[in-house]
Amino acid sequence: MAETLDTVLLLALPASGKSEVRRYLDLLSPEECGRDFHMGPTVQLDDFPYVHIMRRIDDELEAMGEPRVFFQTAARPFIDTKDWGTLIELVNEDYDDLVAKRIHEPKSAAIFTMDRIDSAAEKVGLPRRLSSLKEEVRAKVADRIDADATDQLKEKHAGYPDTLEGKTLVIEFARGGPDGSSMPLPKEYGYAYSLGRLSDALLSKSVILYIWVTPEESRRKNDARADPDDPGSILHHGVPIDVMMGDYGCDDMDWLEEQSEKPGTVTVEANGKKYFLPVARFDNRVDKTTFIRNDQEQWKPEEIKAVHKGLKGALDTLWEKYRSS
């Protein structure tokens, strides 16, 4: 049995505190991570950078008078909900690159990223939409998003550790469904679909840390954190209200836990296998995490104590389930 958790899927509605928790973990000493949270120094993956790039592509297409290919409008959900799977396939690929420490040096980071998105989309049954653009349109879009794509690729490479030995991989993503939905959520919405698209390499060693907030609190915190001047920021991006209601009006974590064949887990059927992912909740319904966005010198001892205690309780629970699984 490993001495620390291998892979933690950090799941929650938008603005629930996922990114703040990642920052908090990243600032802890290795000794604190191991002693209190059963985690090694963290290595982190996230699907949000791809959402940002996809929205950037659509915005540039619209500015040229061309049809959008990913989102209905700048402020509305995906055109095709299979793109929730596109994002997971990109995470799977990022994980494979991380393990292999694969460095990409494309002539154009934008074209490279556009081709990756097309390939990931094909895996979930979608066409290669960006490869099908008119050549001059594709070239103009690539030119206009190249700075963002270059920064994203550099950040991806910079996140490769010398070794994953003794580290804990933290993978963040948010999923949900339309406000007022009954369970199970429609196909391709929610965690049921996205967890089922993760690779065997991830599912075979993952646990779920779920940050628990209500949809109403998620919307409140989303409004509070949104910085229109920094739309690509992990900590400060805002989700449009139509997306909050249409994609994140509820989620299916309660339902998945209730339906699981083993108590204390989420059952995932994928890759011809059945996985039982241990799950625990960090209760953030009364906000414990917003302060983490501030400079560390501004953090108050009582704030640190509350978030540390809450996380420790959830991760102690996960560790016991992980050890016995």
Protein backbone atom coordinates (compact mmCIF):
# COMPACT_ATOMS: atom_id res chain seq x y z
CA MET A 1 0.00 0.00 0.00
CA ALA A 2 1.29 3.46 -0.90
CA GLU A 3 2.13 5.85 1.94
CA THR A 4 0.13 8.68 0.36
CA LEU A 5 -2.90 9.12 -1.86
CA ASP A 6 -1.90 8.70 -5.49
CA THR A 7 -4.58 10.63 -7.42
CA VAL A 8 -7.25 12.93 -6.00
CA LEU A 9 -10.13 13.98 -8.24
CA LEU A 10 -11.11 17.41 -6.89
CA LEU A 11 -14.74 17.83 -7.92
CA ALA A 12 -17.37 20.48 -7.25
CA LEU A 13 -19.65 23.04 -8.85
CA PRO A 14 -17.94 26.19 -10.19
CA ALA A 15 -16.51 28.64 -7.64
CA SER A 16 -17.02 26.11 -4.83
CA GLY A 17 -13.40 26.39 -3.69
CA LYS A 18 -11.58 23.80 -5.82
CA SER A 19 -8.88 26.13 -7.09
CA GLU A 20 -8.45 27.73 -3.68
CA VAL A 21 -7.95 24.27 -2.14
CA ARG A 22 -5.36 23.50 -4.82
CA ARG A 23 -3.51 26.70 -3.97
CA TYR A 24 -3.64 25.93 -0.25
CA LEU A 25 -2.25 22.44 -0.79
CA ASP A 26 0.49 23.77 -3.05
CA LEU A 27 1.65 26.20 -0.35
CA LEU A 28 1.92 23.58 2.40
CA SER A 29 5.22 21.97 3.28
CA PRO A 30 5.70 18.33 2.23
CA GLU A 31 5.70 17.42 5.94
CA GLU A 32 2.27 19.04 6.49
CA CYS A 33 0.81 17.42 3.36
CA GLY A 34 1.92 13.99 4.45
CA ARG A 35 1.14 14.29 8.15
CA ASP A 36 -2.28 15.95 7.96
CA PHE A 37 -3.62 15.12 4.50
CA HIS A 38 -1.99 11.79 3.48
CA MET A 39 -0.72 13.51 0.34
CA GLY A 40 2.67 14.05 -1.18
CA PRO A 41 3.63 17.35 -2.81
CA THR A 42 0.91 18.00 -5.36
CA VAL A 43 1.06 17.86 -9.14
CA GLN A 44 -2.00 19.44 -10.71
CA LEU A 45 -4.15 19.07 -13.82
CA ASP A 46 -7.30 20.98 -14.78
CA ASP A 47 -9.63 21.08 -17.78
CA PHE A 48 -10.46 24.79 -17.47
CA PRO A 49 -7.56 25.99 -19.69
CA TYR A 50 -9.16 24.10 -22.59
CA VAL A 51 -12.56 25.65 -21.92
CA HIS A 52 -10.86 29.05 -22.09
CA ILE A 53 -9.13 28.22 -25.39
CA MET A 54 -12.37 26.88 -26.90
CA ARG A 55 -14.18 30.08 -25.94
CA ARG A 56 -11.32 32.15 -27.38
CA ILE A 57 -11.59 30.25 -30.67
CA ASP A 58 -15.34 30.80 -30.83
CA ASP A 59 -14.99 34.51 -30.05
CA GLU A 60 -12.47 34.94 -32.88
CA LEU A 61 -14.68 33.00 -35.30
CA GLU A 62 -17.66 35.16 -34.40
CA ALA A 63 -15.59 38.33 -34.82
CA MET A 64 -14.84 37.19 -38.40
CA GLY A 65 -18.50 36.53 -39.13
CA GLU A 66 -18.03 32.75 -38.97
CA PRO A 67 -20.24 30.29 -37.04
CA ARG A 68 -19.17 29.35 -33.55
CA VAL A 69 -18.18 25.68 -33.24
CA PHE A 70 -18.15 24.95 -29.49
CA PHE A 71 -20.55 27.24 -27.62
CA GLN A 72 -24.00 28.49 -28.54
CA THR A 73 -22.97 32.08 -27.74
CA ALA A 74 -20.24 33.70 -25.64
CA ALA A 75 -22.52 33.42 -22.61
CA ARG A 76 -24.29 30.11 -23.25
CA PRO A 77 -23.47 26.37 -22.94
CA PHE A 78 -21.87 23.91 -25.37
CA ILE A 79 -23.55 23.32 -28.71
CA ASP A 80 -22.94 19.58 -28.27
CA THR A 81 -22.76 18.14 -24.76
CA LYS A 82 -20.31 15.47 -25.94
CA ASP A 83 -17.68 18.20 -25.53
CA TRP A 84 -17.72 17.45 -21.79
CA GLY A 85 -16.03 14.24 -22.91
CA THR A 86 -13.66 16.16 -25.19
CA LEU A 87 -12.34 17.92 -22.09
CA ILE A 88 -11.78 14.62 -20.27
CA GLU A 89 -9.91 13.15 -23.24
CA LEU A 90 -7.59 16.18 -23.12
CA VAL A 91 -7.00 15.53 -19.41
CA ASN A 92 -6.22 11.87 -20.18
CA GLU A 93 -3.67 13.03 -22.74
CA ASP A 94 -2.18 15.56 -20.32
CA TYR A 95 -1.75 12.76 -17.79
CA ASP A 96 0.01 10.54 -20.33
CA ASP A 97 2.30 13.42 -21.28
CA LEU A 98 2.99 14.12 -17.61
CA VAL A 99 4.00 10.53 -16.92
CA ALA A 100 6.22 10.44 -20.01
CA LYS A 101 7.51 14.00 -19.40
CA ARG A 102 6.72 14.61 -23.05
CA ILE A 103 7.83 18.03 -24.29
CA HIS A 104 6.08 19.36 -27.39
CA GLU A 105 7.81 21.94 -29.54
CA PRO A 106 5.35 22.70 -32.34
CA LYS A 107 5.96 25.41 -34.90
CA SER A 108 2.58 26.85 -33.87
CA ALA A 109 1.23 26.25 -30.36
CA ALA A 110 -2.21 27.34 -31.57
CA ILE A 111 -2.39 24.84 -34.44
CA PHE A 112 -1.03 22.14 -32.13
CA THR A 113 -3.74 22.87 -29.56
CA MET A 114 -6.48 23.06 -32.18
CA ASP A 115 -5.41 19.67 -33.55
CA ARG A 116 -5.41 18.21 -30.02
CA ILE A 117 -8.95 19.43 -29.45
CA ASP A 118 -10.07 17.90 -32.75
CA SER A 119 -8.45 14.57 -31.90
CA ALA A 120 -10.00 14.51 -28.42
CA ALA A 121 -13.41 15.34 -29.92
CA GLU A 122 -13.13 12.45 -32.37
CA LYS A 123 -12.73 10.04 -29.44
CA VAL A 124 -16.18 11.01 -28.14
CA GLY A 125 -17.88 10.84 -31.51
CA LEU A 126 -17.59 14.44 -32.69
CA PRO A 127 -16.20 15.65 -36.04
CA ARG A 128 -12.89 17.48 -36.45
CA ARG A 129 -14.49 20.92 -36.48
CA LEU A 130 -11.33 23.05 -36.48
CA SER A 131 -9.62 21.07 -39.24
CA SER A 132 -12.74 21.66 -41.35
CA LEU A 133 -12.51 25.44 -41.20
CA LYS A 134 -11.58 27.30 -44.35
CA GLU A 135 -7.81 27.49 -44.54
CA GLU A 136 -7.65 31.27 -44.26
CA VAL A 137 -10.09 31.31 -41.34
CA ARG A 138 -8.16 28.60 -39.49
CA ALA A 139 -4.92 30.52 -40.01
CA LYS A 140 -6.40 33.78 -38.70
CA VAL A 141 -7.87 32.09 -35.63
CA ALA A 142 -4.56 30.39 -34.93
CA ASP A 143 -2.71 33.69 -35.18
CA ARG A 144 -5.10 35.42 -32.79
CA ILE A 145 -5.06 32.73 -30.08
CA ASP A 146 -1.38 31.85 -30.38
CA ALA A 147 -0.29 33.83 -27.31
CA ASP A 148 -2.86 32.04 -25.13
CA ALA A 149 -1.97 28.64 -26.60
CA THR A 150 1.76 29.28 -26.13
CA ASP A 151 1.28 30.26 -22.49
CA GLN A 152 -0.88 27.21 -21.87
CA LEU A 153 1.68 24.83 -23.39
CA LYS A 154 4.51 26.41 -21.38
CA GLU A 155 2.48 26.06 -18.20
CA LYS A 156 1.74 22.43 -19.00
CA HIS A 157 5.44 21.64 -19.45
CA ALA A 158 6.40 23.63 -16.35
CA GLY A 159 4.06 21.43 -14.31
CA TYR A 160 6.04 18.25 -15.01
CA PRO A 161 7.84 17.13 -11.83
CA ASP A 162 11.22 15.38 -11.94
CA THR A 163 9.37 12.28 -10.75
CA LEU A 164 5.84 11.37 -9.68
CA GLU A 165 7.27 9.12 -6.97
CA GLY A 166 5.92 10.29 -3.63
CA LYS A 167 3.73 12.95 -5.27
CA THR A 168 -0.06 13.23 -5.28
CA LEU A 169 -1.77 14.13 -8.53
CA VAL A 170 -4.75 16.48 -8.10
CA ILE A 171 -7.16 16.72 -11.04
CA GLU A 172 -9.82 19.44 -10.93
CA PHE A 173 -13.03 19.63 -12.91
CA ALA A 174 -16.62 20.77 -12.44
CA ARG A 175 -19.67 19.02 -13.83
CA GLY A 176 -23.42 19.34 -13.41
CA GLY A 177 -26.72 19.54 -15.21
CA PRO A 178 -29.65 21.86 -15.93
CA ASP A 179 -31.41 23.45 -12.98
CA GLY A 180 -34.35 21.32 -11.86
CA SER A 181 -33.13 18.09 -13.51
CA SER A 182 -34.21 14.72 -12.22
CA MET A 183 -31.67 11.94 -11.73
CA PRO A 184 -29.91 10.40 -13.49
CA LEU A 185 -28.86 13.48 -15.41
CA PRO A 186 -29.24 13.45 -19.20
CA LYS A 187 -26.45 11.65 -21.02
CA GLU A 188 -23.14 13.54 -21.19
CA TYR A 189 -24.03 15.78 -18.26
CA GLY A 190 -22.73 15.36 -14.74
CA TYR A 191 -19.98 13.32 -13.18
CA ALA A 192 -21.39 9.97 -14.31
CA TYR A 193 -20.42 10.64 -17.93
CA SER A 194 -17.11 12.41 -17.36
CA LEU A 195 -15.79 9.96 -14.77
CA GLY A 196 -16.63 7.17 -17.20
CA ARG A 197 -14.32 8.70 -19.82
CA LEU A 198 -11.23 8.82 -17.60
CA SER A 199 -8.48 6.39 -18.53
CA ASP A 200 -7.85 3.13 -16.69
CA ALA A 201 -4.50 4.53 -15.53
CA LEU A 202 -6.38 7.24 -13.62
CA LEU A 203 -9.48 5.36 -12.48
CA SER A 204 -7.44 2.48 -11.08
CA LYS A 205 -5.84 4.72 -8.43
CA SER A 206 -8.16 7.69 -7.91
CA VAL A 207 -10.22 8.91 -4.97
CA ILE A 208 -12.78 11.73 -5.03
CA LEU A 209 -12.59 14.80 -2.80
CA TYR A 210 -15.92 16.54 -3.32
CA ILE A 211 -16.25 20.15 -2.23
CA TRP A 212 -19.81 20.49 -1.03
CA VAL A 213 -21.70 23.71 -1.71
CA THR A 214 -25.27 24.35 -2.82
CA PRO A 215 -25.94 25.52 -6.39
CA GLU A 216 -27.11 28.83 -4.93
CA GLU A 217 -23.82 29.29 -3.07
CA SER A 218 -21.90 28.29 -6.19
CA ARG A 219 -23.65 31.05 -8.13
CA ARG A 220 -23.03 33.61 -5.37
CA LYS A 221 -19.33 32.80 -5.20
CA ASN A 222 -19.06 32.75 -8.99
CA ASP A 223 -20.36 36.32 -9.14
CA ALA A 224 -18.03 37.40 -6.35
CA ARG A 225 -14.86 35.98 -7.91
CA ALA A 226 -15.45 36.99 -11.54
CA ASP A 227 -12.83 39.39 -12.94
CA PRO A 228 -13.76 40.37 -16.52
CA ASP A 229 -10.18 41.54 -17.08
CA ASP A 230 -8.77 38.09 -16.29
CA PRO A 231 -11.07 35.54 -17.99
CA GLY A 232 -8.37 32.88 -18.29
CA SER A 233 -7.44 32.91 -14.61
CA ILE A 234 -7.96 29.73 -12.61
CA LEU A 235 -8.83 31.73 -9.48
CA HIS A 236 -10.74 34.66 -10.99
CA HIS A 237 -12.67 33.50 -14.06
CA GLY A 238 -16.44 33.86 -14.08
CA VAL A 239 -19.01 31.49 -15.57
CA PRO A 240 -21.95 33.14 -17.42
CA ILE A 241 -25.31 32.83 -15.64
CA ASP A 242 -26.92 30.86 -18.50
CA VAL A 243 -24.12 28.31 -18.14
CA MET A 244 -24.47 28.26 -14.37
CA MET A 245 -28.17 27.45 -14.72
CA GLY A 246 -27.97 25.22 -17.80
CA ASP A 247 -24.83 23.22 -16.98
CA TYR A 248 -24.39 23.65 -13.24
CA GLY A 249 -27.91 24.15 -11.87
CA CYS A 250 -27.43 20.89 -9.97
CA ASP A 251 -25.02 17.97 -9.94
CA ASP A 252 -25.27 14.21 -9.54
CA MET A 253 -22.79 13.48 -6.75
CA ASP A 254 -25.50 12.72 -4.16
CA TRP A 255 -27.22 10.39 -6.63
CA LEU A 256 -23.99 8.63 -7.57
CA GLU A 257 -23.13 7.99 -3.92
CA GLU A 258 -26.64 6.70 -3.21
CA GLN A 259 -26.57 4.39 -6.25
CA SER A 260 -23.07 3.03 -5.70
CA GLU A 261 -22.72 -0.70 -5.20
CA LYS A 262 -20.25 -0.12 -2.33
CA PRO A 263 -20.99 2.38 0.46
CA GLY A 264 -18.57 5.29 0.64
CA THR A 265 -17.69 5.06 -3.04
CA VAL A 266 -18.84 6.12 -6.48
CA THR A 267 -19.25 3.24 -8.93
CA VAL A 268 -17.79 3.99 -12.36
CA GLU A 269 -18.20 1.66 -15.34
CA ALA A 270 -15.51 2.34 -17.93
CA ASN A 271 -12.97 0.61 -20.13
CA GLY A 272 -14.84 -2.68 -19.75
CA LYS A 273 -14.34 -2.61 -15.97
CA LYS A 274 -16.10 -1.49 -12.81
CA TYR A 275 -14.29 0.89 -10.47
CA PHE A 276 -15.26 1.88 -6.94
CA LEU A 277 -13.78 5.30 -6.21
CA PRO A 278 -13.64 6.23 -2.51
CA VAL A 279 -15.38 9.57 -1.93
CA ALA A 280 -15.41 12.11 0.91
CA ARG A 281 -16.78 15.63 1.29
CA PHE A 282 -15.20 18.87 2.38
CA ASP A 283 -18.17 20.88 3.60
CA ASN A 284 -17.84 24.40 2.20
CA ARG A 285 -21.51 25.34 2.36
CA VAL A 286 -20.42 28.00 4.84
CA ASP A 287 -17.50 29.53 2.96
CA LYS A 288 -14.08 28.51 4.29
CA THR A 289 -11.94 29.07 1.19
CA THR A 290 -12.38 32.52 -0.38
CA PHE A 291 -9.59 34.02 1.74
CA ILE A 292 -7.07 31.76 -0.03
CA ARG A 293 -7.32 34.01 -3.11
CA ASN A 294 -5.68 36.81 -1.12
CA ASP A 295 -1.96 37.28 -0.58
CA GLN A 296 -0.77 34.77 2.00
CA GLU A 297 0.31 37.52 4.40
CA GLN A 298 -3.37 38.54 4.69
CA TRP A 299 -4.58 35.13 5.81
CA LYS A 300 -6.00 35.08 9.35
CA PRO A 301 -5.15 32.25 11.78
CA GLU A 302 -8.81 31.39 12.32
CA GLU A 303 -9.37 31.13 8.55
CA ILE A 304 -6.38 28.83 8.15
CA LYS A 305 -7.53 26.69 11.07
CA ALA A 306 -11.05 26.26 9.65
CA VAL A 307 -9.96 25.20 6.15
CA HIS A 308 -7.18 22.97 7.47
CA LYS A 309 -9.50 21.19 9.91
CA GLY A 310 -12.18 20.68 7.25
CA LEU A 311 -9.75 19.30 4.70
CA LYS A 312 -8.04 17.07 7.25
CA GLY A 313 -11.35 15.48 8.24
CA ALA A 314 -12.28 14.75 4.62
CA LEU A 315 -8.83 13.44 3.68
CA ASP A 316 -8.59 11.26 6.81
CA THR A 317 -11.84 9.67 5.67
CA LEU A 318 -10.52 9.20 2.14
CA TRP A 319 -7.28 7.69 3.40
CA GLU A 320 -9.11 5.07 5.47
CA LYS A 321 -11.29 4.14 2.50
CA TYR A 322 -8.27 4.08 0.16
CA ARG A 323 -6.27 1.82 2.47
CA SER A 324 -9.13 -0.64 2.79
CA SER A 325 -10.07 -0.70 -0.89
